């Protein structure tokens, strides 16, 4: 079976298609089992509603796939409550560099800043005039 955009060099053999389909089926069944177990639902029920469709929040709640409808703030409040955090809390958002170039840019900025700061301290102390080469 070929699809638009498939590689031109060859199609999958029937054996490869079978292996791939078995892998997809196994992962799908594993997903159904995880949802059923974590939502306290039967495998049959979850399989009957897991057809690749999209549900609204209300539909998902009615189908017992979620407990509540809300946004990020409600989720954070609930997580804080479940985590035993009393009163107000502070949210810290961590982000990582997205590419090697981003890492190099951050590193070079920090190195440049450190060199500049060090030279500034030497200039303030008039220590730079006493340096020997």
N, C-alpha and C. Protein backbone atom coordinates (compact mmCIF):
# COMPACT_ATOMS: atom_id res chain seq x y z
N UNK A 1 0.85 -1.16 0.00
CA UNK A 1 0.00 0.00 0.00
C UNK A 1 0.90 1.23 0.00
N UNK A 2 0.65 2.18 -0.86
CA UNK A 2 1.43 3.41 -0.89
C UNK A 2 0.51 4.60 -0.64
N UNK A 3 1.10 5.65 -0.13
CA UNK A 3 0.37 6.87 0.20
C UNK A 3 1.09 8.05 -0.42
N UNK A 4 0.39 9.14 -0.67
CA UNK A 4 1.06 10.33 -1.19
C UNK A 4 2.18 10.75 -0.24
N UNK A 5 3.32 11.05 -0.79
CA UNK A 5 4.46 11.46 0.03
C UNK A 5 5.33 10.31 0.48
N UNK A 6 4.95 9.07 0.15
CA UNK A 6 5.78 7.92 0.51
C UNK A 6 7.13 8.03 -0.18
N UNK A 7 8.12 7.37 0.40
CA UNK A 7 9.44 7.34 -0.21
C UNK A 7 9.33 6.65 -1.57
N UNK A 8 10.10 7.16 -2.53
CA UNK A 8 10.04 6.63 -3.89
C UNK A 8 10.82 5.34 -4.08
N UNK A 9 11.72 5.02 -3.15
CA UNK A 9 12.61 3.90 -3.40
C UNK A 9 11.94 2.54 -3.31
N UNK A 10 10.94 2.34 -2.46
CA UNK A 10 10.19 1.08 -2.45
C UNK A 10 9.03 1.16 -1.49
N UNK A 11 8.06 0.31 -1.69
CA UNK A 11 6.91 0.21 -0.79
C UNK A 11 7.22 -0.83 0.28
N UNK A 12 6.43 -0.80 1.34
CA UNK A 12 6.58 -1.83 2.37
C UNK A 12 6.16 -3.18 1.82
N UNK A 13 6.87 -4.21 2.24
CA UNK A 13 6.45 -5.56 1.87
C UNK A 13 5.24 -5.93 2.74
N UNK A 14 4.47 -6.92 2.34
CA UNK A 14 3.34 -7.35 3.19
C UNK A 14 3.81 -7.74 4.60
N UNK A 15 4.96 -8.36 4.68
CA UNK A 15 5.49 -8.74 6.00
C UNK A 15 5.80 -7.50 6.84
N UNK A 16 6.41 -6.47 6.22
CA UNK A 16 6.72 -5.23 6.94
C UNK A 16 5.45 -4.51 7.36
N UNK A 17 4.46 -4.50 6.48
CA UNK A 17 3.18 -3.89 6.82
C UNK A 17 2.56 -4.60 8.02
N UNK A 18 2.64 -5.91 8.05
CA UNK A 18 2.08 -6.70 9.14
C UNK A 18 2.81 -6.39 10.45
N UNK A 19 4.14 -6.33 10.38
CA UNK A 19 4.93 -6.01 11.58
C UNK A 19 4.56 -4.62 12.10
N UNK A 20 4.50 -3.66 11.18
CA UNK A 20 4.15 -2.29 11.57
C UNK A 20 2.75 -2.21 12.16
N UNK A 21 1.80 -2.88 11.54
CA UNK A 21 0.42 -2.87 12.04
C UNK A 21 0.34 -3.52 13.42
N UNK A 22 1.09 -4.60 13.63
CA UNK A 22 1.12 -5.24 14.95
C UNK A 22 1.67 -4.30 16.01
N UNK A 23 2.69 -3.52 15.65
CA UNK A 23 3.26 -2.55 16.59
C UNK A 23 2.23 -1.47 16.94
N UNK A 24 1.54 -0.98 15.93
CA UNK A 24 0.50 0.04 16.16
C UNK A 24 -0.60 -0.54 17.05
N UNK A 25 -1.05 -1.75 16.74
CA UNK A 25 -2.10 -2.38 17.53
C UNK A 25 -1.68 -2.57 18.98
N UNK A 26 -0.44 -2.99 19.19
CA UNK A 26 0.07 -3.21 20.54
C UNK A 26 0.12 -1.90 21.32
N UNK A 27 0.60 -0.84 20.69
CA UNK A 27 0.65 0.46 21.36
C UNK A 27 -0.75 1.00 21.65
N UNK A 28 -1.66 0.82 20.71
CA UNK A 28 -3.05 1.26 20.91
C UNK A 28 -3.68 0.52 22.08
N UNK A 29 -3.49 -0.79 22.15
CA UNK A 29 -4.05 -1.59 23.23
C UNK A 29 -3.43 -1.18 24.57
N UNK A 30 -2.14 -0.89 24.57
CA UNK A 30 -1.47 -0.43 25.79
C UNK A 30 -2.06 0.90 26.25
N UNK A 31 -2.29 1.81 25.31
CA UNK A 31 -2.91 3.09 25.62
C UNK A 31 -4.30 2.89 26.24
N UNK A 32 -5.10 2.03 25.64
CA UNK A 32 -6.45 1.75 26.15
C UNK A 32 -6.36 1.21 27.58
N UNK A 33 -5.42 0.30 27.81
CA UNK A 33 -5.25 -0.28 29.15
C UNK A 33 -4.86 0.78 30.18
N UNK A 34 -3.95 1.67 29.82
CA UNK A 34 -3.50 2.71 30.74
C UNK A 34 -4.66 3.65 31.09
N UNK A 35 -5.41 4.08 30.08
CA UNK A 35 -6.55 4.96 30.33
C UNK A 35 -7.58 4.25 31.20
N UNK A 36 -7.90 3.01 30.86
CA UNK A 36 -8.91 2.26 31.63
C UNK A 36 -8.48 2.12 33.09
N UNK A 37 -7.24 1.76 33.30
CA UNK A 37 -6.74 1.56 34.67
C UNK A 37 -6.74 2.87 35.45
N UNK A 38 -6.23 3.93 34.86
CA UNK A 38 -6.10 5.20 35.57
C UNK A 38 -7.43 5.95 35.74
N UNK A 39 -8.40 5.66 34.92
CA UNK A 39 -9.70 6.31 35.05
C UNK A 39 -10.73 5.39 35.69
N UNK A 40 -10.31 4.18 36.12
CA UNK A 40 -11.21 3.19 36.73
C UNK A 40 -12.38 2.87 35.82
N UNK A 41 -12.05 2.61 34.56
CA UNK A 41 -13.04 2.24 33.55
C UNK A 41 -12.69 0.88 32.98
N UNK A 42 -13.65 0.25 32.34
CA UNK A 42 -13.34 -1.05 31.73
C UNK A 42 -12.62 -0.84 30.40
N UNK A 43 -11.85 -1.84 30.03
CA UNK A 43 -11.13 -1.83 28.75
C UNK A 43 -12.12 -1.68 27.60
N UNK A 44 -13.22 -2.40 27.69
CA UNK A 44 -14.23 -2.37 26.63
C UNK A 44 -14.84 -0.98 26.46
N UNK A 45 -15.12 -0.32 27.60
CA UNK A 45 -15.70 1.01 27.54
C UNK A 45 -14.74 1.99 26.88
N UNK A 46 -13.49 1.99 27.33
CA UNK A 46 -12.50 2.91 26.76
C UNK A 46 -12.30 2.63 25.27
N UNK A 47 -12.21 1.36 24.91
CA UNK A 47 -12.05 1.01 23.49
C UNK A 47 -13.23 1.51 22.66
N UNK A 48 -14.43 1.52 23.26
CA UNK A 48 -15.61 1.94 22.50
C UNK A 48 -15.63 3.44 22.24
N UNK A 49 -14.92 4.24 23.06
CA UNK A 49 -14.92 5.69 22.85
C UNK A 49 -13.59 6.21 22.29
N UNK A 50 -12.62 5.32 22.18
CA UNK A 50 -11.29 5.72 21.69
C UNK A 50 -11.18 5.43 20.21
N UNK A 51 -11.83 6.25 19.42
CA UNK A 51 -11.84 6.03 17.98
C UNK A 51 -11.08 7.10 17.23
N UNK A 52 -10.24 7.86 17.92
CA UNK A 52 -9.45 8.90 17.27
C UNK A 52 -10.19 10.20 17.10
N UNK A 53 -11.37 10.31 17.67
CA UNK A 53 -12.15 11.54 17.56
C UNK A 53 -11.68 12.59 18.55
N UNK A 54 -12.26 13.75 18.43
CA UNK A 54 -11.96 14.87 19.32
C UNK A 54 -13.19 15.14 20.17
N UNK A 55 -12.98 15.31 21.46
CA UNK A 55 -14.08 15.60 22.37
C UNK A 55 -13.93 17.00 22.95
N UNK A 56 -15.05 17.64 23.20
CA UNK A 56 -15.02 18.90 23.93
C UNK A 56 -14.76 18.57 25.40
N UNK A 57 -14.47 19.60 26.19
CA UNK A 57 -14.27 19.37 27.62
C UNK A 57 -15.49 18.76 28.28
N UNK A 58 -16.68 19.27 27.93
CA UNK A 58 -17.91 18.74 28.51
C UNK A 58 -18.12 17.28 28.11
N UNK A 59 -17.88 16.98 26.83
CA UNK A 59 -18.02 15.60 26.37
C UNK A 59 -17.04 14.69 27.11
N UNK A 60 -15.78 15.13 27.25
CA UNK A 60 -14.77 14.32 27.93
C UNK A 60 -15.17 14.07 29.39
N UNK A 61 -15.74 15.11 30.03
CA UNK A 61 -16.19 14.93 31.42
C UNK A 61 -17.35 13.95 31.48
N UNK A 62 -18.30 14.11 30.56
CA UNK A 62 -19.46 13.20 30.52
C UNK A 62 -19.02 11.75 30.26
N UNK A 63 -17.95 11.57 29.49
CA UNK A 63 -17.42 10.23 29.17
C UNK A 63 -16.49 9.69 30.26
N UNK A 64 -16.29 10.48 31.33
CA UNK A 64 -15.44 10.11 32.46
C UNK A 64 -13.95 10.06 32.10
N UNK A 65 -13.56 10.83 31.09
CA UNK A 65 -12.15 10.88 30.71
C UNK A 65 -11.39 11.93 31.49
N UNK A 66 -12.10 12.91 32.05
CA UNK A 66 -11.49 13.95 32.88
C UNK A 66 -12.36 14.16 34.10
N UNK A 67 -11.77 14.78 35.14
CA UNK A 67 -12.51 15.05 36.36
C UNK A 67 -13.18 16.42 36.35
N UNK A 68 -12.48 17.41 35.84
CA UNK A 68 -12.97 18.78 35.86
C UNK A 68 -12.62 19.48 34.55
N UNK A 69 -13.33 20.56 34.29
CA UNK A 69 -13.03 21.41 33.14
C UNK A 69 -12.43 22.69 33.71
N UNK A 70 -11.31 23.09 33.17
CA UNK A 70 -10.67 24.31 33.65
C UNK A 70 -9.44 24.62 32.84
N UNK A 71 -8.73 25.62 33.28
CA UNK A 71 -7.52 26.04 32.59
C UNK A 71 -6.28 25.81 33.43
N UNK A 72 -5.23 26.47 33.04
CA UNK A 72 -3.94 26.33 33.71
C UNK A 72 -4.02 26.73 35.18
N UNK A 73 -4.69 27.85 35.47
CA UNK A 73 -4.77 28.32 36.86
C UNK A 73 -5.49 27.32 37.76
N UNK A 74 -6.58 26.75 37.26
CA UNK A 74 -7.30 25.75 38.06
C UNK A 74 -6.44 24.51 38.27
N UNK A 75 -5.69 24.11 37.23
CA UNK A 75 -4.82 22.94 37.35
C UNK A 75 -3.71 23.19 38.37
N UNK A 76 -3.13 24.39 38.35
CA UNK A 76 -2.09 24.73 39.31
C UNK A 76 -2.64 24.75 40.74
N UNK A 77 -3.83 25.35 40.91
CA UNK A 77 -4.45 25.38 42.24
C UNK A 77 -4.69 23.97 42.77
N UNK A 78 -5.20 23.09 41.91
CA UNK A 78 -5.46 21.72 42.33
C UNK A 78 -4.16 20.98 42.64
N UNK A 79 -3.12 21.19 41.81
CA UNK A 79 -1.83 20.54 42.06
C UNK A 79 -1.24 21.01 43.39
N UNK A 80 -1.36 22.30 43.67
CA UNK A 80 -0.86 22.83 44.95
C UNK A 80 -1.62 22.21 46.12
N UNK A 81 -2.93 22.14 45.98
CA UNK A 81 -3.76 21.54 47.04
C UNK A 81 -3.39 20.08 47.26
N UNK A 82 -3.30 19.32 46.15
CA UNK A 82 -2.95 17.90 46.26
C UNK A 82 -1.53 17.70 46.78
N UNK A 83 -0.66 18.67 46.50
CA UNK A 83 0.73 18.60 46.97
C UNK A 83 0.91 19.11 48.39
N UNK A 84 -0.18 19.55 49.03
CA UNK A 84 -0.10 20.01 50.41
C UNK A 84 0.52 21.38 50.56
N UNK A 85 0.45 22.22 49.53
CA UNK A 85 1.01 23.57 49.60
C UNK A 85 -0.09 24.49 50.10
N UNK A 86 0.07 25.02 51.31
CA UNK A 86 -0.98 25.89 51.86
C UNK A 86 -0.85 27.32 51.33
N UNK A 87 -1.95 28.02 51.26
CA UNK A 87 -1.94 29.43 50.88
C UNK A 87 -1.49 29.66 49.45
N UNK A 88 -0.84 30.81 49.27
CA UNK A 88 -0.40 31.16 47.92
C UNK A 88 0.90 30.43 47.58
N UNK A 89 1.21 30.37 46.33
CA UNK A 89 2.40 29.69 45.85
C UNK A 89 2.95 30.46 44.66
N UNK A 90 4.19 30.19 44.35
CA UNK A 90 4.84 30.85 43.22
C UNK A 90 5.10 29.81 42.14
N UNK A 91 4.79 30.16 40.91
CA UNK A 91 5.02 29.27 39.78
C UNK A 91 6.30 29.71 39.08
N UNK A 92 7.21 28.78 38.90
CA UNK A 92 8.45 29.05 38.19
C UNK A 92 8.42 28.26 36.90
N UNK A 93 8.56 28.94 35.78
CA UNK A 93 8.55 28.28 34.49
C UNK A 93 10.00 28.13 34.01
N UNK A 94 10.41 26.92 33.80
CA UNK A 94 11.76 26.63 33.33
C UNK A 94 11.71 26.38 31.83
N UNK A 95 12.72 26.87 31.16
CA UNK A 95 12.80 26.59 29.73
C UNK A 95 14.24 26.23 29.40
N UNK A 96 14.40 25.41 28.42
CA UNK A 96 15.74 24.99 28.03
C UNK A 96 16.04 25.55 26.64
N UNK A 97 17.33 25.73 26.34
CA UNK A 97 17.68 26.18 24.98
C UNK A 97 17.16 25.20 23.95
N UNK A 98 16.76 25.73 22.82
CA UNK A 98 16.15 24.88 21.82
C UNK A 98 17.14 24.30 20.81
N UNK A 99 18.33 24.86 20.73
CA UNK A 99 19.27 24.36 19.74
C UNK A 99 20.70 24.54 20.25
N UNK A 100 21.61 23.92 19.55
CA UNK A 100 23.03 24.04 19.89
C UNK A 100 23.47 25.49 19.75
N UNK A 101 22.97 26.18 18.73
CA UNK A 101 23.31 27.60 18.54
C UNK A 101 22.82 28.45 19.71
N UNK A 102 21.65 28.12 20.26
CA UNK A 102 21.15 28.84 21.43
C UNK A 102 22.10 28.64 22.61
N UNK A 103 22.56 27.42 22.79
CA UNK A 103 23.49 27.13 23.89
C UNK A 103 24.77 27.92 23.71
N UNK A 104 25.32 27.91 22.50
CA UNK A 104 26.55 28.67 22.23
C UNK A 104 26.35 30.16 22.46
N UNK A 105 25.20 30.67 22.06
CA UNK A 105 24.91 32.10 22.24
C UNK A 105 24.87 32.46 23.72
N UNK A 106 24.20 31.65 24.51
CA UNK A 106 24.11 31.89 25.95
C UNK A 106 25.49 31.81 26.58
N UNK A 107 26.24 30.77 26.21
CA UNK A 107 27.58 30.58 26.75
C UNK A 107 28.49 31.75 26.39
N UNK A 108 28.48 32.18 25.14
CA UNK A 108 29.36 33.27 24.73
C UNK A 108 28.95 34.57 25.41
N UNK A 109 27.66 34.79 25.63
CA UNK A 109 27.21 35.99 26.34
C UNK A 109 27.74 35.99 27.77
N UNK A 110 27.65 34.84 28.42
CA UNK A 110 28.12 34.76 29.81
C UNK A 110 29.64 34.93 29.90
N UNK A 111 30.36 34.34 28.95
CA UNK A 111 31.82 34.49 28.95
C UNK A 111 32.18 35.95 28.70
N UNK A 112 31.53 36.57 27.71
CA UNK A 112 31.80 37.99 27.42
C UNK A 112 31.50 38.87 28.61
N UNK A 113 30.40 38.61 29.28
CA UNK A 113 30.03 39.39 30.46
C UNK A 113 31.08 39.22 31.56
N UNK A 114 31.52 37.99 31.78
CA UNK A 114 32.51 37.73 32.83
C UNK A 114 33.84 38.41 32.54
N UNK A 115 34.28 38.35 31.28
CA UNK A 115 35.53 39.01 30.91
C UNK A 115 35.41 40.52 31.11
N UNK A 116 34.30 41.07 30.65
CA UNK A 116 34.08 42.51 30.81
C UNK A 116 34.03 42.92 32.27
N UNK A 117 33.37 42.13 33.07
CA UNK A 117 33.26 42.43 34.50
C UNK A 117 34.63 42.37 35.16
N UNK A 118 35.39 41.35 34.80
CA UNK A 118 36.74 41.22 35.37
C UNK A 118 37.63 42.39 34.99
N UNK A 119 37.57 42.83 33.73
CA UNK A 119 38.37 43.96 33.28
C UNK A 119 37.92 45.24 33.99
N UNK A 120 36.60 45.36 34.20
CA UNK A 120 36.08 46.53 34.91
C UNK A 120 36.60 46.61 36.33
N UNK A 121 36.65 45.48 36.99
CA UNK A 121 37.17 45.45 38.37
C UNK A 121 38.64 45.85 38.39
N UNK A 122 39.41 45.34 37.42
CA UNK A 122 40.83 45.69 37.34
C UNK A 122 41.02 47.19 37.09
N UNK A 123 40.19 47.75 36.23
CA UNK A 123 40.28 49.18 35.93
C UNK A 123 39.94 50.02 37.15
N UNK A 124 38.91 49.61 37.89
CA UNK A 124 38.51 50.34 39.09
C UNK A 124 39.62 50.33 40.14
N UNK A 125 40.31 49.22 40.25
CA UNK A 125 41.37 49.09 41.25
C UNK A 125 42.71 49.59 40.75
N UNK A 126 42.75 50.08 39.52
CA UNK A 126 44.00 50.48 38.88
C UNK A 126 44.99 49.33 38.82
N UNK A 127 44.49 48.10 38.91
CA UNK A 127 45.36 46.95 38.87
C UNK A 127 45.83 46.63 37.47
N UNK A 128 45.13 47.11 36.48
CA UNK A 128 45.49 46.77 35.10
C UNK A 128 46.82 47.41 34.71
N UNK A 129 47.15 48.54 35.33
CA UNK A 129 48.43 49.19 35.01
C UNK A 129 49.62 48.41 35.56
N UNK A 130 49.37 47.58 36.57
CA UNK A 130 50.44 46.82 37.19
C UNK A 130 50.65 45.44 36.55
N UNK A 131 49.81 45.12 35.56
CA UNK A 131 49.94 43.82 34.90
C UNK A 131 51.18 43.79 34.04
N UNK A 132 51.89 42.69 34.05
CA UNK A 132 53.07 42.50 33.23
C UNK A 132 52.79 41.43 32.22
N UNK A 133 53.33 41.59 31.02
CA UNK A 133 53.12 40.63 29.94
C UNK A 133 54.25 39.67 29.87
